Amino acid sequence: MEMQQVRYFLAVAQTLNFTRAAEQCNVSQPALTRAIKLLKDEFGGDLIRREGRLSHLTDLGKRMLPLLKQCHDSALTAKALATSLKNRDIATLNVAVAHGLDIALFMPALSEMYSAFPELLLKLKRGDSASVRAMLERGDVDLAIGANASEGSERLDCWRMFDDSFDIVVGEEHELAQGNGAALEPAQLRARRILLHKGIEASEADIERLTSAGVTLVNVHEVDSLADLEPLLRAGFGIGLTLSSALRVDGLRHLRIETLDLQRPIAVAMMSGRPRSREATTLLNLLRGSDWSHATA
């Protein structure tokens, strides 16, 4: 199927007249008719039924019309975007962020960069920290933000931003939030149903230390997204376990576990030796120059 055939079909579907459709497409009527026949052969049935001067869409034609129109519109959009990129009218910045990290942390830097490049197209991708590194190494993204960003690779330039850890998160009305702000003791956490944010990417060693600190990750609720964790916490489904930097919002309280000290560096990374766009370099510098002292406070 060629886009020209789709364009001819859409013209006939609009005009319901082969002659007017041919004029609209600036093509001879026999050429238009041949293109419609090729579509018929490809789809295995008539799309248009000719009845004198007027034509009508068949049931198959009616079903194919929105799909072919979407296909045609997407092709036009892709062509226009490719032309703009070729002429450097539009720049694209691909950024990968690890699942566990709250995008709110990076909005000041992203907003400032967007102000400097208002025509920029931002492509934000998510994955676990290993996937984020892999995306960067493959060239799928220009810049990556994650935990242990340089682990297992000597091809990356990494800049540490802050150290994250694990917190218990509850609603402000929860009984655990009624204390004087002291860290929680293991005895306070036993027999509590946990709402586990899987984005924390807990290793086996992490799980062992969490268990010793009173957090048992057996028979727990699990969520992939912070957007899902927040309403479940507010509804009282359990006590949340997520990164210290995540969900710093009104109505939720972060509590530290007294005997737990699990630190993991959060870093921004780019490929060594790979050419860097102005936009990527600007975002990198903004992230490196940000004050991260309150990220986990």
C-alpha atoms as a PDB file:
ATOM      1  CA  MET A   1       0.000   0.000   0.000  1.00  0.00           C
ATOM      2  CA  GLU A   2       1.360   3.378  -1.041  1.00  0.00           C
ATOM      3  CA  MET A   3       0.440   6.727   0.486  1.00  0.00           C
ATOM      4  CA  GLN A   4      -0.606   7.959  -2.953  1.00  0.00           C
ATOM      5  CA  GLN A   5      -3.259   5.249  -3.107  1.00  0.00           C
ATOM      6  CA  VAL A   6      -4.486   6.245   0.346  1.00  0.00           C
ATOM      7  CA  ARG A   7      -4.680   9.896  -0.731  1.00  0.00           C
ATOM      8  CA  TYR A   8      -6.764   8.982  -3.780  1.00  0.00           C
ATOM      9  CA  PHE A   9      -9.120   6.859  -1.686  1.00  0.00           C
ATOM     10  CA  LEU A  10      -9.625   9.678   0.822  1.00  0.00           C
ATOM     11  CA  ALA A  11     -10.421  12.091  -2.019  1.00  0.00           C
ATOM     12  CA  VAL A  12     -13.080   9.744  -3.423  1.00  0.00           C
ATOM     13  CA  ALA A  13     -14.481   9.164   0.079  1.00  0.00           C
ATOM     14  CA  GLN A  14     -14.828  12.945   0.462  1.00  0.00           C
ATOM     15  CA  THR A  15     -16.263  13.799  -2.962  1.00  0.00           C
ATOM     16  CA  LEU A  16     -18.048  10.494  -3.715  1.00  0.00           C
ATOM     17  CA  ASN A  17     -17.150  11.182  -7.343  1.00  0.00           C
ATOM     18  CA  PHE A  18     -14.169   9.749  -9.227  1.00  0.00           C
ATOM     19  CA  THR A  19     -13.952  12.667 -11.666  1.00  0.00           C
ATOM     20  CA  ARG A  20     -13.899  15.348  -8.973  1.00  0.00           C
ATOM     21  CA  ALA A  21     -11.498  13.280  -6.857  1.00  0.00           C
ATOM     22  CA  ALA A  22      -9.086  12.985  -9.790  1.00  0.00           C
ATOM     23  CA  GLU A  23      -9.223  16.745 -10.346  1.00  0.00           C
ATOM     24  CA  GLN A  24      -8.645  17.368  -6.632  1.00  0.00           C
ATOM     25  CA  CYS A  25      -5.592  15.067  -6.658  1.00  0.00           C
ATOM     26  CA  ASN A  26      -4.349  16.505  -9.973  1.00  0.00           C
ATOM     27  CA  VAL A  27      -4.221  13.081 -11.561  1.00  0.00           C
ATOM     28  CA  SER A  28      -5.997  11.394 -14.473  1.00  0.00           C
ATOM     29  CA  GLN A  29      -9.164   9.486 -13.677  1.00  0.00           C
ATOM     30  CA  PRO A  30      -7.793   6.172 -15.040  1.00  0.00           C
ATOM     31  CA  ALA A  31      -4.735   6.504 -12.779  1.00  0.00           C
ATOM     32  CA  LEU A  32      -6.964   7.174  -9.774  1.00  0.00           C
ATOM     33  CA  THR A  33      -9.197   4.234 -10.664  1.00  0.00           C
ATOM     34  CA  ARG A  34      -6.186   1.910 -10.929  1.00  0.00           C
ATOM     35  CA  ALA A  35      -4.958   3.026  -7.496  1.00  0.00           C
ATOM     36  CA  ILE A  36      -8.356   2.329  -5.930  1.00  0.00           C
ATOM     37  CA  LYS A  37      -8.365  -1.131  -7.573  1.00  0.00           C
ATOM     38  CA  LEU A  38      -4.933  -1.869  -6.097  1.00  0.00           C
ATOM     39  CA  LEU A  39      -6.301  -1.027  -2.648  1.00  0.00           C
ATOM     40  CA  LYS A  40      -9.252  -3.323  -3.312  1.00  0.00           C
ATOM     41  CA  ASP A  41      -6.875  -6.161  -4.185  1.00  0.00           C
ATOM     42  CA  GLU A  42      -4.756  -5.512  -1.086  1.00  0.00           C
ATOM     43  CA  PHE A  43      -7.703  -5.388   1.341  1.00  0.00           C
ATOM     44  CA  GLY A  44      -9.542  -8.252  -0.339  1.00  0.00           C
ATOM     45  CA  GLY A  45     -12.774  -6.423  -1.094  1.00  0.00           C
ATOM     46  CA  ASP A  46     -14.381  -3.348  -2.589  1.00  0.00           C
ATOM     47  CA  LEU A  47     -13.869  -0.125  -0.650  1.00  0.00           C
ATOM     48  CA  ILE A  48     -16.015   1.977  -3.000  1.00  0.00           C
ATOM     49  CA  ARG A  49     -19.099   1.054  -5.041  1.00  0.00           C
ATOM     50  CA  ARG A  50     -19.643   3.108  -8.185  1.00  0.00           C
ATOM     51  CA  GLU A  51     -23.252   3.967  -9.025  1.00  0.00           C
ATOM     52  CA  GLY A  52     -23.417   6.331 -11.960  1.00  0.00           C
ATOM     53  CA  ARG A  53     -21.990   9.737 -11.210  1.00  0.00           C
ATOM     54  CA  LEU A  54     -22.059   9.146  -7.472  1.00  0.00           C
ATOM     55  CA  SER A  55     -20.141   6.536  -5.531  1.00  0.00           C
ATOM     56  CA  HIS A  56     -20.644   5.080  -2.076  1.00  0.00           C
ATOM     57  CA  LEU A  57     -18.357   3.542   0.506  1.00  0.00           C
ATOM     58  CA  THR A  58     -18.914  -0.132   1.143  1.00  0.00           C
ATOM     59  CA  ASP A  59     -19.030  -1.473   4.702  1.00  0.00           C
ATOM     60  CA  LEU A  60     -15.344  -2.349   4.321  1.00  0.00           C
ATOM     61  CA  GLY A  61     -14.625   1.143   3.020  1.00  0.00           C
ATOM     62  CA  LYS A  62     -16.387   2.736   5.976  1.00  0.00           C
ATOM     63  CA  ARG A  63     -14.329   0.632   8.378  1.00  0.00           C
ATOM     64  CA  MET A  64     -11.076   1.440   6.609  1.00  0.00           C
ATOM     65  CA  LEU A  65     -11.760   5.179   6.245  1.00  0.00           C
ATOM     66  CA  PRO A  66     -10.738   6.339   9.788  1.00  0.00           C
ATOM     67  CA  LEU A  67      -7.720   4.026   9.801  1.00  0.00           C
ATOM     68  CA  LEU A  68      -6.463   5.180   6.413  1.00  0.00           C
ATOM     69  CA  LYS A  69      -7.111   8.822   7.317  1.00  0.00           C
ATOM     70  CA  GLN A  70      -5.057   8.399  10.489  1.00  0.00           C
ATOM     71  CA  CYS A  71      -2.303   6.711   8.471  1.00  0.00           C
ATOM     72  CA  HIS A  72      -2.297   9.569   5.948  1.00  0.00           C
ATOM     73  CA  ASP A  73      -2.284  12.273   8.645  1.00  0.00           C
ATOM     74  CA  SER A  74       0.562  10.557  10.501  1.00  0.00           C
ATOM     75  CA  ALA A  75       2.613  10.379   7.313  1.00  0.00           C
ATOM     76  CA  LEU A  76       2.093  14.096   6.671  1.00  0.00           C
ATOM     77  CA  THR A  77       3.063  14.927  10.253  1.00  0.00           C
ATOM     78  CA  ALA A  78       6.196  12.774  10.028  1.00  0.00           C
ATOM     79  CA  LYS A  79       7.196  14.413   6.753  1.00  0.00           C
ATOM     80  CA  ALA A  80       6.688  17.911   8.173  1.00  0.00           C
ATOM     81  CA  LEU A  81       8.665  17.043  11.307  1.00  0.00           C
ATOM     82  CA  ALA A  82      11.499  15.544   9.271  1.00  0.00           C
ATOM     83  CA  THR A  83      11.668  18.701   7.169  1.00  0.00           C
ATOM     84  CA  SER A  84      11.742  20.877  10.279  1.00  0.00           C
ATOM     85  CA  LEU A  85      14.504  18.803  11.860  1.00  0.00           C
ATOM     86  CA  LYS A  86      16.501  18.894   8.630  1.00  0.00           C
ATOM     87  CA  ASN A  87      16.187  22.683   8.580  1.00  0.00           C
ATOM     88  CA  ARG A  88      17.036  22.784  12.321  1.00  0.00           C
ATOM     89  CA  ASP A  89      13.726  24.486  13.075  1.00  0.00           C
ATOM     90  CA  ILE A  90      12.961  21.970  15.815  1.00  0.00           C
ATOM     91  CA  ALA A  91      15.404  20.329  18.204  1.00  0.00           C
ATOM     92  CA  THR A  92      14.631  17.102  20.030  1.00  0.00           C
ATOM     93  CA  LEU A  93      16.042  16.161  23.429  1.00  0.00           C
ATOM     94  CA  ASN A  94      15.667  12.548  24.566  1.00  0.00           C
ATOM     95  CA  VAL A  95      15.967  12.069  28.326  1.00  0.00           C
ATOM     96  CA  ALA A  96      15.717   8.812  30.290  1.00  0.00           C
ATOM     97  CA  VAL A  97      14.760   8.844  33.986  1.00  0.00           C
ATOM     98  CA  ALA A  98      14.719   5.824  36.291  1.00  0.00           C
ATOM     99  CA  HIS A  99      11.242   4.660  37.343  1.00  0.00           C
ATOM    100  CA  GLY A 100      11.767   5.380  41.044  1.00  0.00           C
ATOM    101  CA  LEU A 101      12.665   9.034  40.612  1.00  0.00           C
ATOM    102  CA  ASP A 102      10.007  11.701  40.949  1.00  0.00           C
ATOM    103  CA  ILE A 103      10.011  13.974  37.885  1.00  0.00           C
ATOM    104  CA  ALA A 104       9.049  16.866  40.199  1.00  0.00           C
ATOM    105  CA  LEU A 105      12.672  16.866  41.386  1.00  0.00           C
ATOM    106  CA  PHE A 106      13.918  17.913  37.969  1.00  0.00           C
ATOM    107  CA  MET A 107      11.148  20.284  36.904  1.00  0.00           C
ATOM    108  CA  PRO A 108      13.020  23.495  37.857  1.00  0.00           C
ATOM    109  CA  ALA A 109      15.925  22.514  35.579  1.00  0.00           C
ATOM    110  CA  LEU A 110      13.611  21.261  32.817  1.00  0.00           C
ATOM    111  CA  SER A 111      11.503  24.425  32.962  1.00  0.00           C
ATOM    112  CA  GLU A 112      14.543  26.674  32.781  1.00  0.00           C
ATOM    113  CA  MET A 113      15.911  24.740  29.817  1.00  0.00           C
ATOM    114  CA  TYR A 114      12.522  24.909  28.056  1.00  0.00           C
ATOM    115  CA  SER A 115      12.456  28.668  28.556  1.00  0.00           C
ATOM    116  CA  ALA A 116      15.799  28.882  26.767  1.00  0.00           C
ATOM    117  CA  PHE A 117      14.616  26.614  23.917  1.00  0.00           C
ATOM    118  CA  PRO A 118      10.835  27.116  23.541  1.00  0.00           C
ATOM    119  CA  GLU A 119      10.723  25.161  20.252  1.00  0.00           C
ATOM    120  CA  LEU A 120      12.317  22.113  21.862  1.00  0.00           C
ATOM    121  CA  LEU A 121      10.602  18.722  21.636  1.00  0.00           C
ATOM    122  CA  LEU A 122      11.219  16.758  24.840  1.00  0.00           C
ATOM    123  CA  LYS A 123      11.032  12.965  24.695  1.00  0.00           C
ATOM    124  CA  LEU A 124      10.964  11.566  28.245  1.00  0.00           C
ATOM    125  CA  LYS A 125      11.540   7.829  28.660  1.00  0.00           C
ATOM    126  CA  ARG A 126      11.321   5.625  31.753  1.00  0.00           C
ATOM    127  CA  GLY A 127      12.971   2.379  32.780  1.00  0.00           C
ATOM    128  CA  ASP A 128      14.862   0.799  35.637  1.00  0.00           C
ATOM    129  CA  SER A 129      18.405   2.068  36.187  1.00  0.00           C
ATOM    130  CA  ALA A 130      19.939  -0.676  34.033  1.00  0.00           C
ATOM    131  CA  SER A 131      17.527   0.081  31.185  1.00  0.00           C
ATOM    132  CA  VAL A 132      18.269   3.786  31.475  1.00  0.00           C
ATOM    133  CA  ARG A 133      21.998   3.118  31.095  1.00  0.00           C
ATOM    134  CA  ALA A 134      21.331   0.805  28.156  1.00  0.00           C
ATOM    135  CA  MET A 135      19.228   3.461  26.402  1.00  0.00           C
ATOM    136  CA  LEU A 136      22.076   5.928  26.789  1.00  0.00           C
ATOM    137  CA  GLU A 137      24.690   3.496  25.490  1.00  0.00           C
ATOM    138  CA  ARG A 138      22.571   2.586  22.451  1.00  0.00           C
ATOM    139  CA  GLY A 139      22.093   6.240  21.594  1.00  0.00           C
ATOM    140  CA  ASP A 140      18.330   6.180  22.217  1.00  0.00           C
ATOM    141  CA  VAL A 141      18.655   9.110  24.637  1.00  0.00           C
ATOM    142  CA  ASP A 142      20.978  12.074  25.020  1.00  0.00           C
ATOM    143  CA  LEU A 143      21.028  12.141  28.795  1.00  0.00           C
ATOM    144  CA  ALA A 144      20.073   9.752  31.599  1.00  0.00           C
ATOM    145  CA  ILE A 145      19.235  10.168  35.273  1.00  0.00           C
ATOM    146  CA  GLY A 146      19.290   7.191  37.606  1.00  0.00           C
ATOM    147  CA  ALA A 147      20.806   5.369  40.537  1.00  0.00           C
ATOM    148  CA  ASN A 148      24.380   4.120  40.217  1.00  0.00           C
ATOM    149  CA  ALA A 149      24.416   5.542  36.691  1.00  0.00           C
ATOM    150  CA  SER A 150      28.020   4.597  35.946  1.00  0.00           C
ATOM    151  CA  GLU A 151      27.810   1.068  37.384  1.00  0.00           C
ATOM    152  CA  GLY A 152      29.097  -1.523  34.928  1.00  0.00           C
ATOM    153  CA  SER A 153      30.136   0.953  32.248  1.00  0.00           C
ATOM    154  CA  GLU A 154      33.319   2.915  31.605  1.00  0.00           C
ATOM    155  CA  ARG A 155      31.798   4.644  28.588  1.00  0.00           C
ATOM    156  CA  LEU A 156      29.721   7.106  30.595  1.00  0.00           C
ATOM    157  CA  ASP A 157      30.519  10.497  32.074  1.00  0.00           C
ATOM    158  CA  CYS A 158      28.584  10.751  35.344  1.00  0.00           C
ATOM    159  CA  TRP A 159      27.946  13.592  37.766  1.00  0.00           C
ATOM    160  CA  ARG A 160      26.589  12.762  41.200  1.00  0.00           C
ATOM    161  CA  MET A 161      23.689  14.944  42.306  1.00  0.00           C
ATOM    162  CA  PHE A 162      22.597  13.566  45.693  1.00  0.00           C
ATOM    163  CA  ASP A 163      22.356  10.400  47.782  1.00  0.00           C
ATOM    164  CA  ASP A 164      18.923   8.821  48.084  1.00  0.00           C
ATOM    165  CA  SER A 165      17.643   6.268  50.572  1.00  0.00           C
ATOM    166  CA  PHE A 166      14.416   4.468  51.524  1.00  0.00           C
ATOM    167  CA  ASP A 167      11.611   6.035  53.566  1.00  0.00           C
ATOM    168  CA  ILE A 168       8.301   4.943  54.988  1.00  0.00           C
ATOM    169  CA  VAL A 169       5.544   7.246  53.701  1.00  0.00           C
ATOM    170  CA  VAL A 170       2.120   7.632  55.320  1.00  0.00           C
ATOM    171  CA  GLY A 171      -0.767  10.071  55.314  1.00  0.00           C
ATOM    172  CA  GLU A 172      -0.574  12.907  57.828  1.00  0.00           C
ATOM    173  CA  GLU A 173      -3.452  11.381  59.812  1.00  0.00           C
ATOM    174  CA  HIS A 174      -1.809   7.967  60.095  1.00  0.00           C
ATOM    175  CA  GLU A 175      -0.902   6.883  63.630  1.00  0.00           C
ATOM    176  CA  LEU A 176       2.794   6.583  62.703  1.00  0.00           C
ATOM    177  CA  ALA A 177       2.789  10.242  61.700  1.00  0.00           C
ATOM    178  CA  GLN A 178       1.636  11.392  65.109  1.00  0.00           C
ATOM    179  CA  GLY A 179       5.053  11.162  66.781  1.00  0.00           C
ATOM    180  CA  ASN A 180       7.543  13.942  67.355  1.00  0.00           C
ATOM    181  CA  GLY A 181       9.459  13.297  64.155  1.00  0.00           C
ATOM    182  CA  ALA A 182      11.854  10.691  65.559  1.00  0.00           C
ATOM    183  CA  ALA A 183      12.863   7.796  63.336  1.00  0.00           C
ATOM    184  CA  LEU A 184      10.722   4.681  63.406  1.00  0.00           C
ATOM    185  CA  GLU A 185      11.852   1.632  65.323  1.00  0.00           C
ATOM    186  CA  PRO A 186      11.604  -1.899  63.847  1.00  0.00           C
ATOM    187  CA  ALA A 187       8.922  -2.876  66.372  1.00  0.00           C
ATOM    188  CA  GLN A 188       6.628  -0.153  64.989  1.00  0.00           C
ATOM    189  CA  LEU A 189       6.794  -1.638  61.482  1.00  0.00           C
ATOM    190  CA  ARG A 190       6.198  -5.311  62.162  1.00  0.00           C
ATOM    191  CA  ALA A 191       2.846  -6.697  60.994  1.00  0.00           C
ATOM    192  CA  ARG A 192       2.232  -3.577  58.889  1.00  0.00           C
ATOM    193  CA  ARG A 193       0.961  -4.035  55.341  1.00  0.00           C
ATOM    194  CA  ILE A 194       3.467  -2.447  52.971  1.00  0.00           C
ATOM    195  CA  LEU A 195       2.672  -0.545  49.790  1.00  0.00           C
ATOM    196  CA  LEU A 196       5.846  -1.233  47.837  1.00  0.00           C
ATOM    197  CA  HIS A 197       6.908   1.163  45.109  1.00  0.00           C
ATOM    198  CA  LYS A 198       8.809  -1.220  42.807  1.00  0.00           C
ATOM    199  CA  GLY A 199      10.721   1.713  41.381  1.00  0.00           C
ATOM    200  CA  ILE A 200      13.045   1.622  44.393  1.00  0.00           C
ATOM    201  CA  GLU A 201      14.734  -1.361  42.686  1.00  0.00           C
ATOM    202  CA  ALA A 202      15.578  -3.094  45.956  1.00  0.00           C
ATOM    203  CA  SER A 203      18.403  -5.630  45.606  1.00  0.00           C
ATOM    204  CA  GLU A 204      18.586  -8.867  47.609  1.00  0.00           C
ATOM    205  CA  ALA A 205      21.001  -7.158  49.998  1.00  0.00           C
ATOM    206  CA  ASP A 206      18.576  -4.234  50.362  1.00  0.00           C
ATOM    207  CA  ILE A 207      15.707  -6.630  51.122  1.00  0.00           C
ATOM    208  CA  GLU A 208      17.749  -8.378  53.799  1.00  0.00           C
ATOM    209  CA  ARG A 209      18.543  -5.060  55.499  1.00  0.00           C
ATOM    210  CA  LEU A 210      14.940  -3.888  55.195  1.00  0.00           C
ATOM    211  CA  THR A 211      13.761  -7.124  56.786  1.00  0.00           C
ATOM    212  CA  SER A 212      16.174  -6.695  59.667  1.00  0.00           C
ATOM    213  CA  ALA A 213      14.836  -3.174  60.117  1.00  0.00           C
ATOM    214  CA  GLY A 214      11.281  -4.468  60.492  1.00  0.00           C
ATOM    215  CA  VAL A 215      10.057  -4.048  56.912  1.00  0.00           C
ATOM    216  CA  THR A 216       8.909  -7.426  55.589  1.00  0.00           C
ATOM    217  CA  LEU A 217       8.408  -7.452  51.835  1.00  0.00           C
ATOM    218  CA  VAL A 218       6.174 -10.520  51.812  1.00  0.00           C
ATOM    219  CA  ASN A 219       2.457 -10.279  50.969  1.00  0.00           C
ATOM    220  CA  VAL A 220       2.753  -6.619  50.051  1.00  0.00           C
ATOM    221  CA  HIS A 221       0.808  -4.351  47.758  1.00  0.00           C
ATOM    222  CA  GLU A 222       2.925  -3.438  44.723  1.00  0.00           C
ATOM    223  CA  VAL A 223       2.770  -0.451  42.370  1.00  0.00           C
ATOM    224  CA  ASP A 224       5.016   0.519  39.481  1.00  0.00           C
ATOM    225  CA  SER A 225       4.155   4.212  39.456  1.00  0.00           C
ATOM    226  CA  LEU A 226       4.337   7.024  41.986  1.00  0.00           C
ATOM    227  CA  ALA A 227       1.096   8.279  40.458  1.00  0.00           C
ATOM    228  CA  ASP A 228      -0.570   5.074  41.692  1.00  0.00           C
ATOM    229  CA  LEU A 229       1.197   5.016  45.060  1.00  0.00           C
ATOM    230  CA  GLU A 230      -0.057   8.420  46.191  1.00  0.00           C
ATOM    231  CA  PRO A 231      -3.850   7.809  46.042  1.00  0.00           C
ATOM    232  CA  LEU A 232      -3.463   4.372  47.625  1.00  0.00           C
ATOM    233  CA  LEU A 233      -1.537   5.899  50.531  1.00  0.00           C
ATOM    234  CA  ARG A 234      -4.166   8.574  51.002  1.00  0.00           C
ATOM    235  CA  ALA A 235      -6.859   5.885  50.998  1.00  0.00           C
ATOM    236  CA  GLY A 236      -5.082   3.989  53.793  1.00  0.00           C
ATOM    237  CA  PHE A 237      -4.149   0.817  51.891  1.00  0.00           C
ATOM    238  CA  GLY A 238      -0.943   0.511  53.899  1.00  0.00           C
ATOM    239  CA  ILE A 239       2.319   2.246  54.657  1.00  0.00           C
ATOM    240  CA  GLY A 240       4.419   3.146  51.644  1.00  0.00           C
ATOM    241  CA  LEU A 241       8.013   2.221  50.957  1.00  0.00           C
ATOM    242  CA  THR A 242       9.661   4.458  48.392  1.00  0.00           C
ATOM    243  CA  LEU A 243      12.707   6.646  47.834  1.00  0.00           C
ATOM    244  CA  SER A 244      13.322   9.537  50.217  1.00  0.00           C
ATOM    245  CA  SER A 245      13.262  11.986  47.310  1.00  0.00           C
ATOM    246  CA  ALA A 246       9.858  10.836  46.016  1.00  0.00           C
ATOM    247  CA  LEU A 247       6.364  12.134  46.776  1.00  0.00           C
ATOM    248  CA  ARG A 248       7.372  15.247  48.698  1.00  0.00           C
ATOM    249  CA  VAL A 249       3.792  16.541  48.598  1.00  0.00           C
ATOM    250  CA  ASP A 250       1.265  18.024  51.002  1.00  0.00           C
ATOM    251  CA  GLY A 251      -0.704  15.486  52.996  1.00  0.00           C
ATOM    252  CA  LEU A 252       1.987  12.813  53.053  1.00  0.00           C
ATOM    253  CA  ARG A 253       4.674  12.353  55.694  1.00  0.00           C
ATOM    254  CA  HIS A 254       8.112  10.793  55.202  1.00  0.00           C
ATOM    255  CA  LEU A 255       9.460   8.773  58.112  1.00  0.00           C
ATOM    256  CA  ARG A 256      12.987   7.389  58.463  1.00  0.00           C
ATOM    257  CA  ILE A 257      13.695   3.883  59.743  1.00  0.00           C
ATOM    258  CA  GLU A 258      16.004   4.220  62.734  1.00  0.00           C
ATOM    259  CA  THR A 259      18.241   1.212  62.042  1.00  0.00           C
ATOM    260  CA  LEU A 260      18.303   1.516  58.240  1.00  0.00           C
ATOM    261  CA  ASP A 261      21.053   3.279  56.346  1.00  0.00           C
ATOM    262  CA  LEU A 262      20.758   2.451  52.649  1.00  0.00           C
ATOM    263  CA  GLN A 263      22.338   5.129  50.517  1.00  0.00           C
ATOM    264  CA  ARG A 264      22.420   5.116  46.742  1.00  0.00           C
ATOM    265  CA  PRO A 265      23.904   7.870  44.572  1.00  0.00           C
ATOM    266  CA  ILE A 266      21.609   9.545  42.050  1.00  0.00           C
ATOM    267  CA  ALA A 267      23.541  10.815  39.053  1.00  0.00           C
ATOM    268  CA  VAL A 268      23.088  12.350  35.624  1.00  0.00           C
ATOM    269  CA  ALA A 269      25.059  10.692  32.836  1.00  0.00           C
ATOM    270  CA  MET A 270      26.025  11.213  29.207  1.00  0.00           C
ATOM    271  CA  MET A 271      28.131   9.145  26.812  1.00  0.00           C
ATOM    272  CA  SER A 272      31.840   9.867  26.782  1.00  0.00           C
ATOM    273  CA  GLY A 273      33.091  11.295  23.514  1.00  0.00           C
ATOM    274  CA  ARG A 274      29.643  11.560  21.911  1.00  0.00           C
ATOM    275  CA  PRO A 275      28.749  14.980  20.393  1.00  0.00           C
ATOM    276  CA  ARG A 276      26.410  16.901  22.700  1.00  0.00           C
ATOM    277  CA  SER A 277      23.672  19.242  21.537  1.00  0.00           C
ATOM    278  CA  ARG A 278      23.221  22.702  23.010  1.00  0.00           C
ATOM    279  CA  GLU A 279      19.989  21.571  24.626  1.00  0.00           C
ATOM    280  CA  ALA A 280      21.509  18.484  26.259  1.00  0.00           C
ATOM    281  CA  THR A 281      24.513  20.463  27.473  1.00  0.00           C
ATOM    282  CA  THR A 282      22.231  23.151  28.904  1.00  0.00           C
ATOM    283  CA  LEU A 283      20.131  20.623  30.835  1.00  0.00           C
ATOM    284  CA  LEU A 284      23.276  18.882  32.084  1.00  0.00           C
ATOM    285  CA  ASN A 285      24.703  22.148  33.397  1.00  0.00           C
ATOM    286  CA  LEU A 286      21.394  23.079  35.039  1.00  0.00           C
ATOM    287  CA  LEU A 287      21.206  19.715  36.816  1.00  0.00           C
ATOM    288  CA  ARG A 288      24.834  19.878  37.909  1.00  0.00           C
ATOM    289  CA  GLY A 289      24.390  23.422  39.198  1.00  0.00           C
ATOM    290  CA  SER A 290      21.161  22.747  41.132  1.00  0.00           C
ATOM    291  CA  ASP A 291      21.021  22.723  44.923  1.00  0.00           C
ATOM    292  CA  TRP A 292      20.048  19.153  45.836  1.00  0.00           C
ATOM    293  CA  SER A 293      20.364  19.595  49.609  1.00  0.00           C
ATOM    294  CA  HIS A 294      16.577  19.517  50.010  1.00  0.00           C
ATOM    295  CA  ALA A 295      15.941  16.559  47.695  1.00  0.00           C
ATOM    296  CA  THR A 296      15.613  14.111  50.587  1.00  0.00           C
ATOM    297  CA  ALA A 297      15.054  16.535  53.469  1.00  0.00           C
END
